[in-house]
N, C-alpha and C. Protein backbone atom coordinates (compact mmCIF):
# COMPACT_ATOMS: atom_id res chain seq x y z
N MET A 1 -0.81 8.08 11.63
CA MET A 1 0.30 8.01 10.70
C MET A 1 0.95 6.64 10.78
N THR A 2 1.26 6.10 9.66
CA THR A 2 1.89 4.78 9.63
C THR A 2 3.39 4.93 9.64
N TYR A 3 4.07 3.87 9.98
CA TYR A 3 5.52 3.91 10.00
C TYR A 3 6.06 3.73 8.59
N ARG A 4 7.27 4.18 8.37
CA ARG A 4 7.89 4.11 7.06
C ARG A 4 8.98 3.05 7.05
N ILE A 5 8.97 2.23 6.05
CA ILE A 5 9.98 1.20 5.90
C ILE A 5 11.09 1.77 5.02
N SER A 6 12.32 1.70 5.50
CA SER A 6 13.42 2.27 4.72
C SER A 6 13.64 1.45 3.45
N ARG A 7 14.10 2.14 2.43
CA ARG A 7 14.37 1.49 1.15
C ARG A 7 15.64 0.65 1.25
N ALA A 8 15.56 -0.54 0.76
CA ALA A 8 16.70 -1.44 0.80
C ALA A 8 16.66 -2.35 -0.42
N LYS A 9 17.65 -3.19 -0.54
CA LYS A 9 17.69 -4.16 -1.63
C LYS A 9 16.44 -5.05 -1.56
N ALA A 10 15.84 -5.31 -2.72
CA ALA A 10 14.63 -6.12 -2.77
C ALA A 10 14.90 -7.54 -2.28
N VAL A 11 14.06 -7.97 -1.36
CA VAL A 11 14.14 -9.33 -0.84
C VAL A 11 12.75 -9.93 -0.87
N SER A 12 12.68 -11.23 -0.92
CA SER A 12 11.40 -11.90 -0.93
C SER A 12 10.98 -12.20 0.51
N THR A 13 9.96 -11.48 0.97
CA THR A 13 9.42 -11.69 2.31
C THR A 13 7.93 -11.97 2.17
N LYS A 14 7.29 -12.29 3.28
CA LYS A 14 5.84 -12.48 3.25
C LYS A 14 5.16 -11.24 2.71
N GLU A 15 5.66 -10.06 3.12
CA GLU A 15 5.05 -8.81 2.73
C GLU A 15 5.21 -8.53 1.24
N THR A 16 6.41 -8.78 0.71
CA THR A 16 6.62 -8.52 -0.72
C THR A 16 5.80 -9.48 -1.57
N ARG A 17 5.71 -10.73 -1.12
CA ARG A 17 4.91 -11.71 -1.87
C ARG A 17 3.42 -11.34 -1.81
N ALA A 18 2.95 -10.87 -0.66
CA ALA A 18 1.55 -10.45 -0.54
C ALA A 18 1.29 -9.24 -1.44
N ALA A 19 2.22 -8.30 -1.47
CA ALA A 19 2.07 -7.12 -2.33
C ALA A 19 1.98 -7.54 -3.80
N GLU A 20 2.81 -8.49 -4.19
CA GLU A 20 2.79 -8.98 -5.58
C GLU A 20 1.44 -9.64 -5.90
N ARG A 21 0.92 -10.45 -4.97
CA ARG A 21 -0.37 -11.12 -5.21
C ARG A 21 -1.51 -10.11 -5.31
N ILE A 22 -1.52 -9.12 -4.42
CA ILE A 22 -2.57 -8.11 -4.43
C ILE A 22 -2.51 -7.30 -5.73
N ALA A 23 -1.30 -6.89 -6.12
CA ALA A 23 -1.14 -6.14 -7.37
C ALA A 23 -1.60 -6.96 -8.56
N LYS A 24 -1.28 -8.25 -8.57
CA LYS A 24 -1.70 -9.12 -9.68
C LYS A 24 -3.22 -9.22 -9.75
N ILE A 25 -3.86 -9.38 -8.61
CA ILE A 25 -5.33 -9.45 -8.58
C ILE A 25 -5.94 -8.17 -9.11
N LEU A 26 -5.41 -7.02 -8.68
CA LEU A 26 -5.97 -5.73 -9.09
C LEU A 26 -5.72 -5.43 -10.56
N ASN A 27 -4.66 -5.99 -11.13
CA ASN A 27 -4.32 -5.70 -12.52
C ASN A 27 -4.79 -6.76 -13.51
N GLU A 28 -5.34 -7.88 -13.04
CA GLU A 28 -5.79 -8.94 -13.93
C GLU A 28 -6.88 -8.46 -14.87
N ASP A 29 -7.87 -7.80 -14.32
CA ASP A 29 -9.03 -7.37 -15.11
C ASP A 29 -9.30 -5.90 -14.80
N MET A 30 -8.85 -5.01 -15.69
CA MET A 30 -9.02 -3.59 -15.45
C MET A 30 -10.47 -3.15 -15.57
N GLY A 31 -11.34 -4.02 -16.04
CA GLY A 31 -12.75 -3.69 -16.17
C GLY A 31 -13.55 -4.00 -14.92
N ILE A 32 -12.92 -4.59 -13.91
CA ILE A 32 -13.64 -4.95 -12.70
C ILE A 32 -14.06 -3.68 -11.95
N ASN A 33 -15.26 -3.70 -11.43
CA ASN A 33 -15.81 -2.56 -10.69
C ASN A 33 -15.31 -2.65 -9.25
N LEU A 34 -14.32 -1.83 -8.92
CA LEU A 34 -13.73 -1.88 -7.58
C LEU A 34 -14.71 -1.42 -6.51
N GLU A 35 -15.64 -0.54 -6.86
CA GLU A 35 -16.66 -0.14 -5.89
C GLU A 35 -17.55 -1.32 -5.52
N ALA A 36 -17.88 -2.15 -6.51
CA ALA A 36 -18.68 -3.35 -6.24
C ALA A 36 -17.89 -4.34 -5.39
N VAL A 37 -16.59 -4.45 -5.66
CA VAL A 37 -15.74 -5.33 -4.85
C VAL A 37 -15.74 -4.84 -3.40
N GLY A 38 -15.61 -3.52 -3.22
CA GLY A 38 -15.65 -2.95 -1.87
C GLY A 38 -16.97 -3.21 -1.18
N TYR A 39 -18.06 -3.08 -1.93
CA TYR A 39 -19.39 -3.35 -1.38
C TYR A 39 -19.46 -4.78 -0.86
N HIS A 40 -19.05 -5.73 -1.69
CA HIS A 40 -19.11 -7.14 -1.30
C HIS A 40 -18.12 -7.47 -0.19
N MET A 41 -17.00 -6.77 -0.17
CA MET A 41 -16.01 -6.97 0.90
C MET A 41 -16.64 -6.62 2.25
N VAL A 42 -17.32 -5.48 2.30
CA VAL A 42 -17.93 -5.03 3.56
C VAL A 42 -19.11 -5.93 3.94
N ARG A 43 -19.89 -6.34 2.97
CA ARG A 43 -21.09 -7.14 3.26
C ARG A 43 -20.78 -8.60 3.61
N ASN A 44 -19.69 -9.13 3.08
CA ASN A 44 -19.46 -10.57 3.19
C ASN A 44 -18.25 -11.00 4.01
N HIS A 45 -17.50 -10.03 4.53
CA HIS A 45 -16.29 -10.37 5.29
C HIS A 45 -16.24 -9.56 6.57
N PRO A 46 -15.50 -10.05 7.56
CA PRO A 46 -15.41 -9.31 8.83
C PRO A 46 -14.73 -7.95 8.63
N PRO A 47 -15.07 -6.99 9.49
CA PRO A 47 -14.51 -5.63 9.36
C PRO A 47 -12.99 -5.58 9.33
N ILE A 48 -12.32 -6.51 9.98
CA ILE A 48 -10.86 -6.48 10.01
C ILE A 48 -10.27 -6.54 8.60
N VAL A 49 -10.95 -7.21 7.69
CA VAL A 49 -10.45 -7.34 6.32
C VAL A 49 -10.37 -5.98 5.65
N TRP A 50 -11.46 -5.24 5.66
CA TRP A 50 -11.41 -3.94 4.99
C TRP A 50 -10.67 -2.89 5.79
N HIS A 51 -10.56 -3.06 7.11
CA HIS A 51 -9.71 -2.16 7.89
C HIS A 51 -8.25 -2.34 7.49
N ARG A 52 -7.86 -3.58 7.27
CA ARG A 52 -6.48 -3.84 6.85
C ARG A 52 -6.22 -3.31 5.44
N LEU A 53 -7.21 -3.40 4.57
CA LEU A 53 -7.08 -2.82 3.23
C LEU A 53 -6.95 -1.29 3.30
N GLU A 54 -7.65 -0.70 4.25
CA GLU A 54 -7.56 0.75 4.44
C GLU A 54 -6.15 1.14 4.87
N VAL A 55 -5.58 0.39 5.80
CA VAL A 55 -4.20 0.64 6.24
C VAL A 55 -3.25 0.50 5.05
N LEU A 56 -3.44 -0.52 4.24
CA LEU A 56 -2.60 -0.75 3.07
C LEU A 56 -2.69 0.44 2.12
N SER A 57 -3.90 0.92 1.88
CA SER A 57 -4.10 2.04 0.97
C SER A 57 -3.47 3.32 1.49
N LEU A 58 -3.67 3.63 2.77
CA LEU A 58 -3.09 4.84 3.35
C LEU A 58 -1.57 4.80 3.35
N THR A 59 -1.01 3.65 3.68
CA THR A 59 0.44 3.50 3.68
C THR A 59 1.00 3.65 2.27
N ALA A 60 0.33 3.04 1.29
CA ALA A 60 0.79 3.15 -0.09
C ALA A 60 0.76 4.61 -0.54
N GLY A 61 -0.27 5.35 -0.18
CA GLY A 61 -0.36 6.76 -0.54
C GLY A 61 0.76 7.58 0.08
N GLU A 62 1.04 7.33 1.36
CA GLU A 62 2.11 8.05 2.04
C GLU A 62 3.47 7.72 1.42
N GLU A 63 3.71 6.45 1.14
CA GLU A 63 4.98 6.04 0.55
C GLU A 63 5.14 6.63 -0.85
N TYR A 64 4.05 6.70 -1.60
CA TYR A 64 4.11 7.29 -2.94
C TYR A 64 4.50 8.77 -2.85
N ASP A 65 3.88 9.50 -1.93
CA ASP A 65 4.21 10.91 -1.75
C ASP A 65 5.67 11.10 -1.37
N ILE A 66 6.18 10.26 -0.47
CA ILE A 66 7.58 10.35 -0.05
C ILE A 66 8.50 10.02 -1.22
N MET A 67 8.16 9.00 -1.99
CA MET A 67 8.98 8.62 -3.13
C MET A 67 9.06 9.75 -4.16
N ILE A 68 7.93 10.39 -4.45
CA ILE A 68 7.92 11.50 -5.41
C ILE A 68 8.74 12.67 -4.87
N ASP A 69 8.58 12.97 -3.58
CA ASP A 69 9.37 14.05 -2.99
C ASP A 69 10.86 13.75 -3.05
N GLU A 70 11.25 12.50 -2.78
CA GLU A 70 12.66 12.12 -2.85
C GLU A 70 13.19 12.26 -4.27
N MET A 71 12.36 11.93 -5.25
CA MET A 71 12.77 12.07 -6.65
C MET A 71 12.96 13.54 -7.00
N ASN A 72 12.19 14.42 -6.36
CA ASN A 72 12.28 15.85 -6.62
C ASN A 72 13.27 16.55 -5.69
N GLY A 73 13.97 15.80 -4.84
CA GLY A 73 14.99 16.35 -3.97
C GLY A 73 14.47 16.97 -2.69
N VAL A 74 13.22 16.70 -2.32
CA VAL A 74 12.65 17.22 -1.08
C VAL A 74 12.98 16.25 0.05
N THR A 75 13.44 16.78 1.19
CA THR A 75 13.72 15.93 2.33
C THR A 75 12.62 16.08 3.37
N HIS A 76 12.42 15.05 4.17
CA HIS A 76 11.38 15.05 5.19
C HIS A 76 12.01 14.99 6.57
N GLY A 77 11.72 15.98 7.39
CA GLY A 77 12.16 15.95 8.77
C GLY A 77 13.67 16.02 8.91
N SER A 78 14.13 15.65 10.06
CA SER A 78 15.56 15.69 10.37
C SER A 78 16.28 14.51 9.75
N LYS A 79 17.40 14.77 9.09
CA LYS A 79 18.15 13.68 8.50
C LYS A 79 18.78 12.79 9.55
N PHE A 80 18.81 13.27 10.80
CA PHE A 80 19.38 12.48 11.89
C PHE A 80 18.41 11.43 12.40
N LEU A 81 17.14 11.56 12.08
CA LEU A 81 16.13 10.60 12.54
C LEU A 81 16.03 9.41 11.60
N ARG A 82 16.64 9.48 10.46
CA ARG A 82 16.53 8.39 9.48
C ARG A 82 17.52 7.33 9.74
């Protein structure tokens, strides 16, 4: 399980800038075959690259689920731990 970053006012950090660049790359050409990109990523780059992409994907999925639950009024765990 990955850690959760609390929601705060948007600031420009290394992480937010990286997220913007990755999103821009993924949205530039919607016709790009992401499976082929994954194939070439594994074949042509060290494993750490796609392991980090996996962490990014899992974290994004978890954050999306939490965001949707918060929009629907569902709380997670003890409110004292937040």
